[in-house]
Amino acid sequence: MAATPGYADQKQQVLTRLRRIEGQVRGLQRLIDEDTYCIDVLTQVAAVSKALQGVGLHLLDEHLQHCVAGAAAGGDADRTNELVHEATKAVERLLRA
């Protein structure tokens, strides 16, 4: 593992996005508490899902640019292959979500 995560330079931005998503989830709970129309709740669920996917894609991009590219630039073929495989598995998980 890299000593510093790929998102380290943008940690506060990622945390801000996650806090915003947390607020959206609390909003969903309020909608259910208030017996809001199903379609309106589903629309908000889709918005939260899209926001989480955006964070996931951002983290994946940072992983590729920082961790994978760093291993490749360092000439460590085994580590590069390991990190590419790890990234592929992460993409699979994101697609299943």
C-alpha atoms as a PDB file:
ATOM      1  CA  MET A   1       0.000   0.000   0.000  1.00  0.00           C
ATOM      2  CA  ALA A   2       1.123   3.556  -0.662  1.00  0.00           C
ATOM      3  CA  ALA A   3       2.063   5.556   2.429  1.00  0.00           C
ATOM      4  CA  THR A   4      -0.253   8.374   1.356  1.00  0.00           C
ATOM      5  CA  PRO A   5      -3.650   7.726  -0.238  1.00  0.00           C
ATOM      6  CA  GLY A   6      -4.169   9.109  -3.724  1.00  0.00           C
ATOM      7  CA  TYR A   7      -6.919  11.426  -2.510  1.00  0.00           C
ATOM      8  CA  ALA A   8      -4.742  13.022   0.213  1.00  0.00           C
ATOM      9  CA  ASP A   9      -4.457  16.356  -1.620  1.00  0.00           C
ATOM     10  CA  GLN A  10      -8.252  16.550  -1.965  1.00  0.00           C
ATOM     11  CA  LYS A  11      -9.225  14.972   1.353  1.00  0.00           C
ATOM     12  CA  GLN A  12     -11.271  17.975   2.508  1.00  0.00           C
ATOM     13  CA  GLN A  13     -13.177  18.101  -0.797  1.00  0.00           C
ATOM     14  CA  VAL A  14     -14.007  14.391  -0.516  1.00  0.00           C
ATOM     15  CA  LEU A  15     -15.126  14.828   3.089  1.00  0.00           C
ATOM     16  CA  THR A  16     -17.289  17.798   2.096  1.00  0.00           C
ATOM     17  CA  ARG A  17     -18.963  15.730  -0.619  1.00  0.00           C
ATOM     18  CA  LEU A  18     -19.567  12.865   1.816  1.00  0.00           C
ATOM     19  CA  ARG A  19     -21.048  15.231   4.403  1.00  0.00           C
ATOM     20  CA  ARG A  20     -23.376  16.615   1.735  1.00  0.00           C
ATOM     21  CA  ILE A  21     -24.451  13.052   0.891  1.00  0.00           C
ATOM     22  CA  GLU A  22     -24.979  12.368   4.584  1.00  0.00           C
ATOM     23  CA  GLY A  23     -27.332  15.351   4.646  1.00  0.00           C
ATOM     24  CA  GLN A  24     -29.173  13.976   1.621  1.00  0.00           C
ATOM     25  CA  VAL A  25     -29.650  10.654   3.433  1.00  0.00           C
ATOM     26  CA  ARG A  26     -31.034  12.465   6.479  1.00  0.00           C
ATOM     27  CA  GLY A  27     -33.389  14.241   4.066  1.00  0.00           C
ATOM     28  CA  LEU A  28     -34.532  10.855   2.788  1.00  0.00           C
ATOM     29  CA  GLN A  29     -35.324   9.801   6.339  1.00  0.00           C
ATOM     30  CA  ARG A  30     -37.412  12.958   6.767  1.00  0.00           C
ATOM     31  CA  LEU A  31     -39.273  12.235   3.534  1.00  0.00           C
ATOM     32  CA  ILE A  32     -40.220   8.797   4.838  1.00  0.00           C
ATOM     33  CA  ASP A  33     -41.166  10.224   8.251  1.00  0.00           C
ATOM     34  CA  GLU A  34     -43.443  12.701   6.440  1.00  0.00           C
ATOM     35  CA  ASP A  35     -45.028   9.992   4.250  1.00  0.00           C
ATOM     36  CA  THR A  36     -43.804  11.635   1.059  1.00  0.00           C
ATOM     37  CA  TYR A  37     -45.003  10.272  -2.285  1.00  0.00           C
ATOM     38  CA  CYS A  38     -42.998   7.193  -3.323  1.00  0.00           C
ATOM     39  CA  ILE A  39     -41.764   8.583  -6.639  1.00  0.00           C
ATOM     40  CA  ASP A  40     -40.434  11.711  -4.942  1.00  0.00           C
ATOM     41  CA  VAL A  41     -38.500   9.573  -2.456  1.00  0.00           C
ATOM     42  CA  LEU A  42     -37.155   7.379  -5.271  1.00  0.00           C
ATOM     43  CA  THR A  43     -35.971  10.471  -7.114  1.00  0.00           C
ATOM     44  CA  GLN A  44     -33.975  11.485  -4.058  1.00  0.00           C
ATOM     45  CA  VAL A  45     -32.614   7.943  -3.624  1.00  0.00           C
ATOM     46  CA  ALA A  46     -31.340   8.134  -7.208  1.00  0.00           C
ATOM     47  CA  ALA A  47     -29.673  11.485  -6.468  1.00  0.00           C
ATOM     48  CA  VAL A  48     -27.893  10.050  -3.411  1.00  0.00           C
ATOM     49  CA  SER A  49     -26.794   6.988  -5.392  1.00  0.00           C
ATOM     50  CA  LYS A  50     -25.415   9.173  -8.177  1.00  0.00           C
ATOM     51  CA  ALA A  51     -23.565  11.345  -5.655  1.00  0.00           C
ATOM     52  CA  LEU A  52     -21.966   8.269  -4.054  1.00  0.00           C
ATOM     53  CA  GLN A  53     -20.994   6.927  -7.459  1.00  0.00           C
ATOM     54  CA  GLY A  54     -19.339  10.258  -8.168  1.00  0.00           C
ATOM     55  CA  VAL A  55     -17.252   9.986  -5.008  1.00  0.00           C
ATOM     56  CA  GLY A  56     -16.354   6.401  -5.896  1.00  0.00           C
ATOM     57  CA  LEU A  57     -15.265   7.359  -9.398  1.00  0.00           C
ATOM     58  CA  HIS A  58     -13.214  10.237  -8.042  1.00  0.00           C
ATOM     59  CA  LEU A  59     -11.444   7.912  -5.591  1.00  0.00           C
ATOM     60  CA  LEU A  60     -10.823   5.368  -8.346  1.00  0.00           C
ATOM     61  CA  ASP A  61      -9.347   8.070 -10.572  1.00  0.00           C
ATOM     62  CA  GLU A  62      -7.068   9.226  -7.763  1.00  0.00           C
ATOM     63  CA  HIS A  63      -5.994   5.610  -7.153  1.00  0.00           C
ATOM     64  CA  LEU A  64      -5.098   5.159 -10.800  1.00  0.00           C
ATOM     65  CA  GLN A  65      -3.251   8.460 -11.067  1.00  0.00           C
ATOM     66  CA  HIS A  66      -1.412   8.220  -7.754  1.00  0.00           C
ATOM     67  CA  CYS A  67      -0.947   4.589  -6.778  1.00  0.00           C
ATOM     68  CA  VAL A  68      -0.924   2.752 -10.105  1.00  0.00           C
ATOM     69  CA  ALA A  69       0.979   5.416 -12.034  1.00  0.00           C
ATOM     70  CA  GLY A  70       3.452   5.738  -9.161  1.00  0.00           C
ATOM     71  CA  ALA A  71       4.177   2.016  -9.161  1.00  0.00           C
ATOM     72  CA  ALA A  72       4.544   2.025 -12.945  1.00  0.00           C
ATOM     73  CA  ALA A  73       6.885   5.023 -12.876  1.00  0.00           C
ATOM     74  CA  GLY A  74       8.946   3.289 -10.199  1.00  0.00           C
ATOM     75  CA  GLY A  75       9.434   0.316 -12.491  1.00  0.00           C
ATOM     76  CA  ASP A  76       7.789  -2.170 -10.101  1.00  0.00           C
ATOM     77  CA  ALA A  77       5.934  -4.384 -12.598  1.00  0.00           C
ATOM     78  CA  ASP A  78       4.611  -6.793  -9.963  1.00  0.00           C
ATOM     79  CA  ARG A  79       3.212  -3.987  -7.822  1.00  0.00           C
ATOM     80  CA  THR A  80       1.774  -2.261 -10.882  1.00  0.00           C
ATOM     81  CA  ASN A  81      -0.008  -5.454 -11.936  1.00  0.00           C
ATOM     82  CA  GLU A  82      -1.303  -5.946  -8.397  1.00  0.00           C
ATOM     83  CA  LEU A  83      -2.674  -2.404  -8.277  1.00  0.00           C
ATOM     84  CA  VAL A  84      -4.273  -2.669 -11.732  1.00  0.00           C
ATOM     85  CA  HIS A  85      -5.985  -5.896 -10.629  1.00  0.00           C
ATOM     86  CA  GLU A  86      -7.126  -4.157  -7.444  1.00  0.00           C
ATOM     87  CA  ALA A  87      -8.549  -1.283  -9.518  1.00  0.00           C
ATOM     88  CA  THR A  88     -10.362  -3.727 -11.785  1.00  0.00           C
ATOM     89  CA  LYS A  89     -11.985  -5.352  -8.751  1.00  0.00           C
ATOM     90  CA  ALA A  90     -12.999  -1.903  -7.494  1.00  0.00           C
ATOM     91  CA  VAL A  91     -14.644  -1.142 -10.861  1.00  0.00           C
ATOM     92  CA  GLU A  92     -16.526  -4.446 -10.639  1.00  0.00           C
ATOM     93  CA  ARG A  93     -17.818  -3.488  -7.175  1.00  0.00           C
ATOM     94  CA  LEU A  94     -18.871  -0.036  -8.396  1.00  0.00           C
ATOM     95  CA  LEU A  95     -20.736  -1.555 -11.340  1.00  0.00           C
ATOM     96  CA  ARG A  96     -22.599  -3.960  -9.068  1.00  0.00           C
ATOM     97  CA  ALA A  97     -23.643  -1.194  -6.702  1.00  0.00           C
END
